Amino acid sequence: MNLSLRKYDAILATVQSIPAGKVATYGQIATLADLPGRARLVGTVLNKLPQDSGVPWHRVVNAKGEISFRGDGESVTEQEILLTEEGVELSPQGRIRLGEYRWEP
């Protein structure tokens, strides 16, 4: 198996493990996927997912507990809606209380 394919699969498997109503940071996903320091790789993998992938990409946020802006701007609103539907509360400033909502496997 190609090393990059193993990395890709490890990232997706870790993201798939995040339960509804919880979030994880890009760095946390990288560490759990045995790719410490590769938070940007996590972002790249999630950004390239097809719309119908079924991977709960919306549960991954930045280290500040914020939704990271993607090129289209629409994904931020979509991510907010999906997280809110799962019971994750965002502050008026758009932050998620990681102490409350961070996934701890």
PDB file of N, CA and C in Angstrom:
ATOM      1  N   MET A   1       0.847  -1.195   0.000  1.00  0.00           N
ATOM      2  CA  MET A   1       0.000   0.000   0.000  1.00  0.00           C
ATOM      3  C   MET A   1       0.877   1.238   0.000  1.00  0.00           C
ATOM      4  N   ASN A   2       0.517   2.180  -0.773  1.00  0.00           N
ATOM      5  CA  ASN A   2       1.209   3.456  -0.893  1.00  0.00           C
ATOM      6  C   ASN A   2       1.182   4.197   0.447  1.00  0.00           C
ATOM      7  N   LEU A   3       2.316   4.774   0.859  1.00  0.00           N
ATOM      8  CA  LEU A   3       2.387   5.483   2.135  1.00  0.00           C
ATOM      9  C   LEU A   3       1.380   6.617   2.195  1.00  0.00           C
ATOM     10  N   SER A   4       1.246   7.382   1.113  1.00  0.00           N
ATOM     11  CA  SER A   4       0.303   8.490   1.135  1.00  0.00           C
ATOM     12  C   SER A   4      -1.139   7.989   1.241  1.00  0.00           C
ATOM     13  N   LEU A   5      -1.429   6.849   0.674  1.00  0.00           N
ATOM     14  CA  LEU A   5      -2.764   6.275   0.804  1.00  0.00           C
ATOM     15  C   LEU A   5      -3.018   5.858   2.246  1.00  0.00           C
ATOM     16  N   ARG A   6      -1.987   5.328   2.917  1.00  0.00           N
ATOM     17  CA  ARG A   6      -2.137   4.969   4.339  1.00  0.00           C
ATOM     18  C   ARG A   6      -2.405   6.205   5.179  1.00  0.00           C
ATOM     19  N   LYS A   7      -1.717   7.301   4.878  1.00  0.00           N
ATOM     20  CA  LYS A   7      -1.943   8.557   5.610  1.00  0.00           C
ATOM     21  C   LYS A   7      -3.378   9.030   5.397  1.00  0.00           C
ATOM     22  N   TYR A   8      -3.802   9.021   4.162  1.00  0.00           N
ATOM     23  CA  TYR A   8      -5.157   9.439   3.797  1.00  0.00           C
ATOM     24  C   TYR A   8      -6.189   8.593   4.550  1.00  0.00           C
ATOM     25  N   ASP A   9      -6.011   7.286   4.507  1.00  0.00           N
ATOM     26  CA  ASP A   9      -6.942   6.377   5.186  1.00  0.00           C
ATOM     27  C   ASP A   9      -6.932   6.584   6.700  1.00  0.00           C
ATOM     28  N   ALA A  10      -5.757   6.819   7.280  1.00  0.00           N
ATOM     29  CA  ALA A  10      -5.657   7.034   8.726  1.00  0.00           C
ATOM     30  C   ALA A  10      -6.388   8.306   9.132  1.00  0.00           C
ATOM     31  N   ILE A  11      -6.255   9.346   8.335  1.00  0.00           N
ATOM     32  CA  ILE A  11      -6.955  10.608   8.628  1.00  0.00           C
ATOM     33  C   ILE A  11      -8.457  10.401   8.544  1.00  0.00           C
ATOM     34  N   LEU A  12      -8.919   9.784   7.472  1.00  0.00           N
ATOM     35  CA  LEU A  12     -10.364   9.588   7.302  1.00  0.00           C
ATOM     36  C   LEU A  12     -10.940   8.677   8.384  1.00  0.00           C
ATOM     37  N   ALA A  13     -10.230   7.632   8.747  1.00  0.00           N
ATOM     38  CA  ALA A  13     -10.707   6.727   9.803  1.00  0.00           C
ATOM     39  C   ALA A  13     -10.812   7.467  11.132  1.00  0.00           C
ATOM     40  N   THR A  14      -9.877   8.342  11.407  1.00  0.00           N
ATOM     41  CA  THR A  14      -9.914   9.098  12.657  1.00  0.00           C
ATOM     42  C   THR A  14     -11.084  10.072  12.658  1.00  0.00           C
ATOM     43  N   VAL A  15     -11.281  10.776  11.560  1.00  0.00           N
ATOM     44  CA  VAL A  15     -12.406  11.715  11.466  1.00  0.00           C
ATOM     45  C   VAL A  15     -13.729  10.964  11.579  1.00  0.00           C
ATOM     46  N   GLN A  16     -13.810   9.788  10.968  1.00  0.00           N
ATOM     47  CA  GLN A  16     -15.038   8.974  11.042  1.00  0.00           C
ATOM     48  C   GLN A  16     -15.363   8.590  12.494  1.00  0.00           C
ATOM     49  N   SER A  17     -14.344   8.562  13.337  1.00  0.00           N
ATOM     50  CA  SER A  17     -14.532   8.150  14.731  1.00  0.00           C
ATOM     51  C   SER A  17     -15.101   9.241  15.633  1.00  0.00           C
ATOM     52  N   ILE A  18     -15.097  10.473  15.187  1.00  0.00           N
ATOM     53  CA  ILE A  18     -15.596  11.573  16.017  1.00  0.00           C
ATOM     54  C   ILE A  18     -17.113  11.428  16.143  1.00  0.00           C
ATOM     55  N   PRO A  19     -17.618  11.310  17.369  1.00  0.00           N
ATOM     56  CA  PRO A  19     -19.067  11.160  17.514  1.00  0.00           C
ATOM     57  C   PRO A  19     -19.818  12.469  17.274  1.00  0.00           C
ATOM     58  N   ALA A  20     -21.073  12.342  16.920  1.00  0.00           N
ATOM     59  CA  ALA A  20     -21.935  13.514  16.759  1.00  0.00           C
ATOM     60  C   ALA A  20     -21.944  14.301  18.056  1.00  0.00           C
ATOM     61  N   GLY A  21     -21.924  15.622  17.923  1.00  0.00           N
ATOM     62  CA  GLY A  21     -21.949  16.495  19.092  1.00  0.00           C
ATOM     63  C   GLY A  21     -20.580  16.777  19.672  1.00  0.00           C
ATOM     64  N   LYS A  22     -19.543  16.261  19.035  1.00  0.00           N
ATOM     65  CA  LYS A  22     -18.168  16.496  19.476  1.00  0.00           C
ATOM     66  C   LYS A  22     -17.356  17.028  18.305  1.00  0.00           C
ATOM     67  N   VAL A  23     -16.240  17.685  18.609  1.00  0.00           N
ATOM     68  CA  VAL A  23     -15.337  18.178  17.582  1.00  0.00           C
ATOM     69  C   VAL A  23     -13.910  17.765  17.925  1.00  0.00           C
ATOM     70  N   ALA A  24     -13.044  17.834  16.946  1.00  0.00           N
ATOM     71  CA  ALA A  24     -11.618  17.602  17.135  1.00  0.00           C
ATOM     72  C   ALA A  24     -10.889  18.664  16.326  1.00  0.00           C
ATOM     73  N   THR A  25      -9.674  18.962  16.723  1.00  0.00           N
ATOM     74  CA  THR A  25      -8.883  19.932  15.973  1.00  0.00           C
ATOM     75  C   THR A  25      -8.088  19.213  14.893  1.00  0.00           C
ATOM     76  N   TYR A  26      -7.646  19.979  13.916  1.00  0.00           N
ATOM     77  CA  TYR A  26      -6.822  19.415  12.844  1.00  0.00           C
ATOM     78  C   TYR A  26      -5.580  18.748  13.433  1.00  0.00           C
ATOM     79  N   GLY A  27      -4.952  19.420  14.391  1.00  0.00           N
ATOM     80  CA  GLY A  27      -3.759  18.859  15.024  1.00  0.00           C
ATOM     81  C   GLY A  27      -4.049  17.596  15.798  1.00  0.00           C
ATOM     82  N   GLN A  28      -5.183  17.566  16.470  1.00  0.00           N
ATOM     83  CA  GLN A  28      -5.585  16.379  17.219  1.00  0.00           C
ATOM     84  C   GLN A  28      -5.781  15.191  16.275  1.00  0.00           C
ATOM     85  N   ILE A  29      -6.433  15.437  15.144  1.00  0.00           N
ATOM     86  CA  ILE A  29      -6.638  14.371  14.158  1.00  0.00           C
ATOM     87  C   ILE A  29      -5.290  13.869  13.649  1.00  0.00           C
ATOM     88  N   ALA A  30      -4.389  14.788  13.358  1.00  0.00           N
ATOM     89  CA  ALA A  30      -3.063  14.399  12.866  1.00  0.00           C
ATOM     90  C   ALA A  30      -2.353  13.509  13.885  1.00  0.00           C
ATOM     91  N   THR A  31      -2.390  13.902  15.137  1.00  0.00           N
ATOM     92  CA  THR A  31      -1.720  13.125  16.180  1.00  0.00           C
ATOM     93  C   THR A  31      -2.360  11.748  16.330  1.00  0.00           C
ATOM     94  N   LEU A  32      -3.679  11.698  16.367  1.00  0.00           N
ATOM     95  CA  LEU A  32      -4.377  10.421  16.516  1.00  0.00           C
ATOM     96  C   LEU A  32      -4.175   9.504  15.307  1.00  0.00           C
ATOM     97  N   ALA A  33      -3.939  10.095  14.144  1.00  0.00           N
ATOM     98  CA  ALA A  33      -3.697   9.310  12.926  1.00  0.00           C
ATOM     99  C   ALA A  33      -2.211   8.951  12.788  1.00  0.00           C
ATOM    100  N   ASP A  34      -1.460   9.190  13.849  1.00  0.00           N
ATOM    101  CA  ASP A  34      -0.014   8.914  13.880  1.00  0.00           C
ATOM    102  C   ASP A  34       0.746   9.761  12.861  1.00  0.00           C
ATOM    103  N   LEU A  35       0.297  11.010  12.729  1.00  0.00           N
ATOM    104  CA  LEU A  35       0.933  11.980  11.836  1.00  0.00           C
ATOM    105  C   LEU A  35       1.149  13.293  12.591  1.00  0.00           C
ATOM    106  N   PRO A  36       1.811  13.253  13.760  1.00  0.00           N
ATOM    107  CA  PRO A  36       1.952  14.475  14.563  1.00  0.00           C
ATOM    108  C   PRO A  36       2.600  15.605  13.762  1.00  0.00           C
ATOM    109  N   GLY A  37       2.092  16.805  13.972  1.00  0.00           N
ATOM    110  CA  GLY A  37       2.624  17.968  13.273  1.00  0.00           C
ATOM    111  C   GLY A  37       2.118  18.131  11.852  1.00  0.00           C
ATOM    112  N   ARG A  38       1.181  17.318  11.452  1.00  0.00           N
ATOM    113  CA  ARG A  38       0.687  17.349  10.061  1.00  0.00           C
ATOM    114  C   ARG A  38      -0.755  17.856   9.981  1.00  0.00           C
ATOM    115  N   ALA A  39      -1.089  18.852  10.796  1.00  0.00           N
ATOM    116  CA  ALA A  39      -2.441  19.409  10.800  1.00  0.00           C
ATOM    117  C   ALA A  39      -2.847  19.926   9.421  1.00  0.00           C
ATOM    118  N   ARG A  40      -1.916  20.528   8.717  1.00  0.00           N
ATOM    119  CA  ARG A  40      -2.241  21.044   7.380  1.00  0.00           C
ATOM    120  C   ARG A  40      -2.592  19.918   6.411  1.00  0.00           C
ATOM    121  N   LEU A  41      -1.950  18.779   6.571  1.00  0.00           N
ATOM    122  CA  LEU A  41      -2.277  17.625   5.738  1.00  0.00           C
ATOM    123  C   LEU A  41      -3.723  17.196   5.986  1.00  0.00           C
ATOM    124  N   VAL A  42      -4.132  17.218   7.252  1.00  0.00           N
ATOM    125  CA  VAL A  42      -5.521  16.883   7.587  1.00  0.00           C
ATOM    126  C   VAL A  42      -6.461  17.837   6.860  1.00  0.00           C
ATOM    127  N   GLY A  43      -6.157  19.130   6.924  1.00  0.00           N
ATOM    128  CA  GLY A  43      -6.983  20.120   6.235  1.00  0.00           C
ATOM    129  C   GLY A  43      -7.043  19.884   4.736  1.00  0.00           C
ATOM    130  N   THR A  44      -5.923  19.543   4.157  1.00  0.00           N
ATOM    131  CA  THR A  44      -5.868  19.281   2.714  1.00  0.00           C
ATOM    132  C   THR A  44      -6.732  18.077   2.345  1.00  0.00           C
ATOM    133  N   VAL A  45      -6.612  17.002   3.119  1.00  0.00           N
ATOM    134  CA  VAL A  45      -7.401  15.798   2.851  1.00  0.00           C
ATOM    135  C   VAL A  45      -8.894  16.102   2.952  1.00  0.00           C
ATOM    136  N   LEU A  46      -9.294  16.801   4.007  1.00  0.00           N
ATOM    137  CA  LEU A  46     -10.717  17.100   4.194  1.00  0.00           C
ATOM    138  C   LEU A  46     -11.237  18.054   3.129  1.00  0.00           C
ATOM    139  N   ASN A  47     -10.402  18.977   2.703  1.00  0.00           N
ATOM    140  CA  ASN A  47     -10.808  19.936   1.681  1.00  0.00           C
ATOM    141  C   ASN A  47     -11.064  19.267   0.337  1.00  0.00           C
ATOM    142  N   LYS A  48     -10.428  18.134   0.095  1.00  0.00           N
ATOM    143  CA  LYS A  48     -10.566  17.441  -1.195  1.00  0.00           C
ATOM    144  C   LYS A  48     -11.655  16.373  -1.202  1.00  0.00           C
ATOM    145  N   LEU A  49     -12.362  16.232  -0.089  1.00  0.00           N
ATOM    146  CA  LEU A  49     -13.422  15.220  -0.034  1.00  0.00           C
ATOM    147  C   LEU A  49     -14.558  15.561  -0.993  1.00  0.00           C
ATOM    148  N   PRO A  50     -15.108  14.556  -1.652  1.00  0.00           N
ATOM    149  CA  PRO A  50     -16.307  14.818  -2.457  1.00  0.00           C
ATOM    150  C   PRO A  50     -17.493  15.123  -1.534  1.00  0.00           C
ATOM    151  N   GLN A  51     -18.435  15.883  -2.030  1.00  0.00           N
ATOM    152  CA  GLN A  51     -19.615  16.290  -1.249  1.00  0.00           C
ATOM    153  C   GLN A  51     -20.326  15.108  -0.597  1.00  0.00           C
ATOM    154  N   ASP A  52     -20.414  14.008  -1.304  1.00  0.00           N
ATOM    155  CA  ASP A  52     -21.192  12.864  -0.836  1.00  0.00           C
ATOM    156  C   ASP A  52     -20.337  11.808  -0.134  1.00  0.00           C
ATOM    157  N   SER A  53     -19.212  12.197   0.420  1.00  0.00           N
ATOM    158  CA  SER A  53     -18.285  11.228   1.014  1.00  0.00           C
ATOM    159  C   SER A  53     -18.828  10.551   2.272  1.00  0.00           C
ATOM    160  N   GLY A  54     -19.694  11.228   2.989  1.00  0.00           N
ATOM    161  CA  GLY A  54     -20.204  10.678   4.241  1.00  0.00           C
ATOM    162  C   GLY A  54     -19.253  10.865   5.413  1.00  0.00           C
ATOM    163  N   VAL A  55     -18.087  11.436   5.171  1.00  0.00           N
ATOM    164  CA  VAL A  55     -17.127  11.697   6.242  1.00  0.00           C
ATOM    165  C   VAL A  55     -17.571  12.956   6.988  1.00  0.00           C
ATOM    166  N   PRO A  56     -17.652  12.908   8.316  1.00  0.00           N
ATOM    167  CA  PRO A  56     -18.129  14.066   9.084  1.00  0.00           C
ATOM    168  C   PRO A  56     -17.059  15.156   9.220  1.00  0.00           C
ATOM    169  N   TRP A  57     -16.634  15.707   8.103  1.00  0.00           N
ATOM    170  CA  TRP A  57     -15.601  16.746   8.041  1.00  0.00           C
ATOM    171  C   TRP A  57     -15.951  17.954   8.902  1.00  0.00           C
ATOM    172  N   HIS A  58     -17.240  18.190   9.078  1.00  0.00           N
ATOM    173  CA  HIS A  58     -17.695  19.375   9.805  1.00  0.00           C
ATOM    174  C   HIS A  58     -17.327  19.337  11.289  1.00  0.00           C
ATOM    175  N   ARG A  59     -16.927  18.177  11.783  1.00  0.00           N
ATOM    176  CA  ARG A  59     -16.561  18.040  13.194  1.00  0.00           C
ATOM    177  C   ARG A  59     -15.105  18.394  13.464  1.00  0.00           C
ATOM    178  N   VAL A  60     -14.390  18.855  12.453  1.00  0.00           N
ATOM    179  CA  VAL A  60     -12.977  19.212  12.611  1.00  0.00           C
ATOM    180  C   VAL A  60     -12.855  20.736  12.544  1.00  0.00           C
ATOM    181  N   VAL A  61     -12.232  21.307  13.567  1.00  0.00           N
ATOM    182  CA  VAL A  61     -12.090  22.757  13.687  1.00  0.00           C
ATOM    183  C   VAL A  61     -10.628  23.105  13.984  1.00  0.00           C
ATOM    184  N   ASN A  62     -10.321  24.387  13.962  1.00  0.00           N
ATOM    185  CA  ASN A  62      -8.938  24.767  14.223  1.00  0.00           C
ATOM    186  C   ASN A  62      -8.639  24.763  15.728  1.00  0.00           C
ATOM    187  N   ALA A  63      -7.397  25.007  16.064  1.00  0.00           N
ATOM    188  CA  ALA A  63      -6.933  24.905  17.452  1.00  0.00           C
ATOM    189  C   ALA A  63      -7.583  25.929  18.376  1.00  0.00           C
ATOM    190  N   LYS A  64      -8.168  26.979  17.820  1.00  0.00           N
ATOM    191  CA  LYS A  64      -8.864  27.991  18.622  1.00  0.00           C
ATOM    192  C   LYS A  64     -10.328  27.627  18.847  1.00  0.00           C
ATOM    193  N   GLY A  65     -10.760  26.519  18.246  1.00  0.00           N
ATOM    194  CA  GLY A  65     -12.164  26.142  18.340  1.00  0.00           C
ATOM    195  C   GLY A  65     -13.020  26.890  17.341  1.00  0.00           C
ATOM    196  N   GLU A  66     -12.385  27.350  16.273  1.00  0.00           N
ATOM    197  CA  GLU A  66     -13.101  28.094  15.245  1.00  0.00           C
ATOM    198  C   GLU A  66     -13.186  27.282  13.961  1.00  0.00           C
ATOM    199  N   ILE A  67     -14.159  27.623  13.164  1.00  0.00           N
ATOM    200  CA  ILE A  67     -14.292  27.022  11.847  1.00  0.00           C
ATOM    201  C   ILE A  67     -13.301  27.714  10.927  1.00  0.00           C
ATOM    202  N   SER A  68     -12.499  26.936  10.249  1.00  0.00           N
ATOM    203  CA  SER A  68     -11.521  27.509   9.327  1.00  0.00           C
ATOM    204  C   SER A  68     -12.181  27.854   8.006  1.00  0.00           C
ATOM    205  N   PHE A  69     -11.909  29.030   7.531  1.00  0.00           N
ATOM    206  CA  PHE A  69     -12.464  29.504   6.263  1.00  0.00           C
ATOM    207  C   PHE A  69     -11.898  28.688   5.111  1.00  0.00           C
ATOM    208  N   ARG A  70     -12.772  28.265   4.234  1.00  0.00           N
ATOM    209  CA  ARG A  70     -12.355  27.588   3.010  1.00  0.00           C
ATOM    210  C   ARG A  70     -12.671  28.516   1.855  1.00  0.00           C
ATOM    211  N   GLY A  71     -12.097  28.278   0.738  1.00  0.00           N
ATOM    212  CA  GLY A  71     -12.188  29.161  -0.415  1.00  0.00           C
ATOM    213  C   GLY A  71     -13.560  29.683  -0.773  1.00  0.00           C
ATOM    214  N   ASP A  72     -14.593  28.852  -0.663  1.00  0.00           N
ATOM    215  CA  ASP A  72     -15.911  29.260  -1.145  1.00  0.00           C
ATOM    216  C   ASP A  72     -16.717  30.078  -0.141  1.00  0.00           C
ATOM    217  N   GLY A  73     -16.384  30.034   1.128  1.00  0.00           N
ATOM    218  CA  GLY A  73     -17.130  30.769   2.137  1.00  0.00           C
ATOM    219  C   GLY A  73     -18.423  30.089   2.538  1.00  0.00           C
ATOM    220  N   GLU A  74     -19.030  29.336   1.637  1.00  0.00           N
ATOM    221  CA  GLU A  74     -20.287  28.656   1.936  1.00  0.00           C
ATOM    222  C   GLU A  74     -20.082  27.506   2.908  1.00  0.00           C
ATOM    223  N   SER A  75     -18.901  26.901   2.881  1.00  0.00           N
ATOM    224  CA  SER A  75     -18.654  25.758   3.757  1.00  0.00           C
ATOM    225  C   SER A  75     -18.676  26.160   5.223  1.00  0.00           C
ATOM    226  N   VAL A  76     -18.332  27.426   5.529  1.00  0.00           N
ATOM    227  CA  VAL A  76     -18.371  27.895   6.918  1.00  0.00           C
ATOM    228  C   VAL A  76     -19.804  27.849   7.417  1.00  0.00           C
ATOM    229  N   THR A  77     -20.728  28.382   6.649  1.00  0.00           N
ATOM    230  CA  THR A  77     -22.143  28.372   7.028  1.00  0.00           C
ATOM    231  C   THR A  77     -22.653  26.940   7.136  1.00  0.00           C
ATOM    232  N   GLU A  78     -22.301  26.112   6.180  1.00  0.00           N
ATOM    233  CA  GLU A  78     -22.728  24.708   6.210  1.00  0.00           C
ATOM    234  C   GLU A  78     -22.195  24.013   7.464  1.00  0.00           C
ATOM    235  N   GLN A  79     -20.938  24.263   7.796  1.00  0.00           N
ATOM    236  CA  GLN A  79     -20.335  23.644   8.972  1.00  0.00           C
ATOM    237  C   GLN A  79     -21.027  24.126  10.245  1.00  0.00           C
ATOM    238  N   GLU A  80     -21.322  25.395  10.335  1.00  0.00           N
ATOM    239  CA  GLU A  80     -22.046  25.935  11.491  1.00  0.00           C
ATOM    240  C   GLU A  80     -23.406  25.255  11.647  1.00  0.00           C
ATOM    241  N   ILE A  81     -24.117  25.120  10.552  1.00  0.00           N
ATOM    242  CA  ILE A  81     -25.449  24.495  10.581  1.00  0.00           C
ATOM    243  C   ILE A  81     -25.347  23.043  11.033  1.00  0.00           C
ATOM    244  N   LEU A  82     -24.414  22.297  10.444  1.00  0.00           N
ATOM    245  CA  LEU A  82     -24.273  20.879  10.795  1.00  0.00           C
ATOM    246  C   LEU A  82     -23.882  20.699  12.261  1.00  0.00           C
ATOM    247  N   LEU A  83     -22.974  21.522  12.754  1.00  0.00           N
ATOM    248  CA  LEU A  83     -22.569  21.415  14.159  1.00  0.00           C
ATOM    249  C   LEU A  83     -23.716  21.794  15.093  1.00  0.00           C
ATOM    250  N   THR A  84     -24.429  22.851  14.755  1.00  0.00           N
ATOM    251  CA  THR A  84     -25.563  23.286  15.576  1.00  0.00           C
ATOM    252  C   THR A  84     -26.636  22.205  15.626  1.00  0.00           C
ATOM    253  N   GLU A  85     -26.891  21.552  14.498  1.00  0.00           N
ATOM    254  CA  GLU A  85     -27.877  20.463  14.461  1.00  0.00           C
ATOM    255  C   GLU A  85     -27.474  19.312  15.376  1.00  0.00           C
ATOM    256  N   GLU A  86     -26.170  19.147  15.613  1.00  0.00           N
ATOM    257  CA  GLU A  86     -25.677  18.089  16.494  1.00  0.00           C
ATOM    258  C   GLU A  86     -25.583  18.538  17.946  1.00  0.00           C
ATOM    259  N   GLY A  87     -25.965  19.791  18.214  1.00  0.00           N
ATOM    260  CA  GLY A  87     -25.956  20.287  19.587  1.00  0.00           C
ATOM    261  C   GLY A  87     -24.694  21.016  20.004  1.00  0.00           C
ATOM    262  N   VAL A  88     -23.780  21.244  19.074  1.00  0.00           N
ATOM    263  CA  VAL A  88     -22.560  21.990  19.378  1.00  0.00           C
ATOM    264  C   VAL A  88     -22.890  23.475  19.314  1.00  0.00           C
ATOM    265  N   GLU A  89     -22.594  24.180  20.401  1.00  0.00           N
ATOM    266  CA  GLU A  89     -22.888  25.609  20.468  1.00  0.00           C
ATOM    267  C   GLU A  89     -21.674  26.429  20.062  1.00  0.00           C
ATOM    268  N   LEU A  90     -21.929  27.440  19.246  1.00  0.00           N
ATOM    269  CA  LEU A  90     -20.889  28.385  18.863  1.00  0.00           C
ATOM    270  C   LEU A  90     -21.174  29.708  19.547  1.00  0.00           C
ATOM    271  N   SER A  91     -20.135  30.371  20.030  1.00  0.00           N
ATOM    272  CA  SER A  91     -20.299  31.684  20.641  1.00  0.00           C
ATOM    273  C   SER A  91     -20.652  32.691  19.555  1.00  0.00           C
ATOM    274  N   PRO A  92     -21.093  33.892  19.946  1.00  0.00           N
ATOM    275  CA  PRO A  92     -21.361  34.922  18.933  1.00  0.00           C
ATOM    276  C   PRO A  92     -20.127  35.240  18.084  1.00  0.00           C
ATOM    277  N   GLN A  93     -18.943  34.977  18.619  1.00  0.00           N
ATOM    278  CA  GLN A  93     -17.695  35.206  17.880  1.00  0.00           C
ATOM    279  C   GLN A  93     -17.337  34.006  16.992  1.00  0.00           C
ATOM    280  N   GLY A  94     -18.164  32.959  17.021  1.00  0.00           N
ATOM    281  CA  GLY A  94     -17.937  31.799  16.172  1.00  0.00           C
ATOM    282  C   GLY A  94     -16.998  30.758  16.763  1.00  0.00           C
ATOM    283  N   ARG A  95     -16.806  30.793  18.074  1.00  0.00           N
ATOM    284  CA  ARG A  95     -15.920  29.816  18.716  1.00  0.00           C
ATOM    285  C   ARG A  95     -16.711  28.720  19.408  1.00  0.00           C
ATOM    286  N   ILE A  96     -16.083  27.564  19.437  1.00  0.00           N
ATOM    287  CA  ILE A  96     -16.639  26.397  20.114  1.00  0.00           C
ATOM    288  C   ILE A  96     -15.824  26.186  21.379  1.00  0.00           C
ATOM    289  N   ARG A  97     -16.489  25.951  22.492  1.00  0.00           N
ATOM    290  CA  ARG A  97     -15.788  25.696  23.750  1.00  0.00           C
ATOM    291  C   ARG A  97     -15.180  24.294  23.688  1.00  0.00           C
ATOM    292  N   LEU A  98     -13.890  24.251  23.412  1.00  0.00           N
ATOM    293  CA  LEU A  98     -13.232  22.959  23.265  1.00  0.00           C
ATOM    294  C   LEU A  98     -13.237  22.164  24.565  1.00  0.00           C
ATOM    295  N   GLY A  99     -13.228  22.848  25.699  1.00  0.00           N
ATOM    296  CA  GLY A  99     -13.294  22.153  26.982  1.00  0.00           C
ATOM    297  C   GLY A  99     -14.575  21.342  27.133  1.00  0.00           C
ATOM    298  N   GLU A 100     -15.606  21.773  26.473  1.00  0.00           N
ATOM    299  CA  GLU A 100     -16.908  21.082  26.544  1.00  0.00           C
ATOM    300  C   GLU A 100     -17.145  20.131  25.377  1.00  0.00           C
ATOM    301  N   TYR A 101     -16.745  20.534  24.198  1.00  0.00           N
ATOM    302  CA  TYR A 101     -17.115  19.786  22.994  1.00  0.00           C
ATOM    303  C   TYR A 101     -15.986  18.974  22.364  1.00  0.00           C
ATOM    304  N   ARG A 102     -14.755  19.120  22.861  1.00  0.00           N
ATOM    305  CA  ARG A 102     -13.654  18.371  22.245  1.00  0.00           C
ATOM    306  C   ARG A 102     -13.825  16.882  22.497  1.00  0.00           C
ATOM    307  N   TRP A 103     -13.649  16.131  21.452  1.00  0.00           N
ATOM    308  CA  TRP A 103     -13.697  14.664  21.526  1.00  0.00           C
ATOM    309  C   TRP A 103     -12.447  14.166  22.217  1.00  0.00           C
ATOM    310  N   GLU A 104     -12.635  13.312  23.196  1.00  0.00           N
ATOM    311  CA  GLU A 104     -11.530  12.688  23.914  1.00  0.00           C
ATOM    312  C   GLU A 104     -11.658  11.174  23.772  1.00  0.00           C
ATOM    313  N   PRO A 105     -10.997  10.602  22.757  1.00  0.00           N
ATOM    314  CA  PRO A 105     -11.158   9.158  22.531  1.00  0.00           C
ATOM    315  C   PRO A 105     -10.574   8.314  23.657  1.00  0.00           C
TER     316      PRO A 105
END
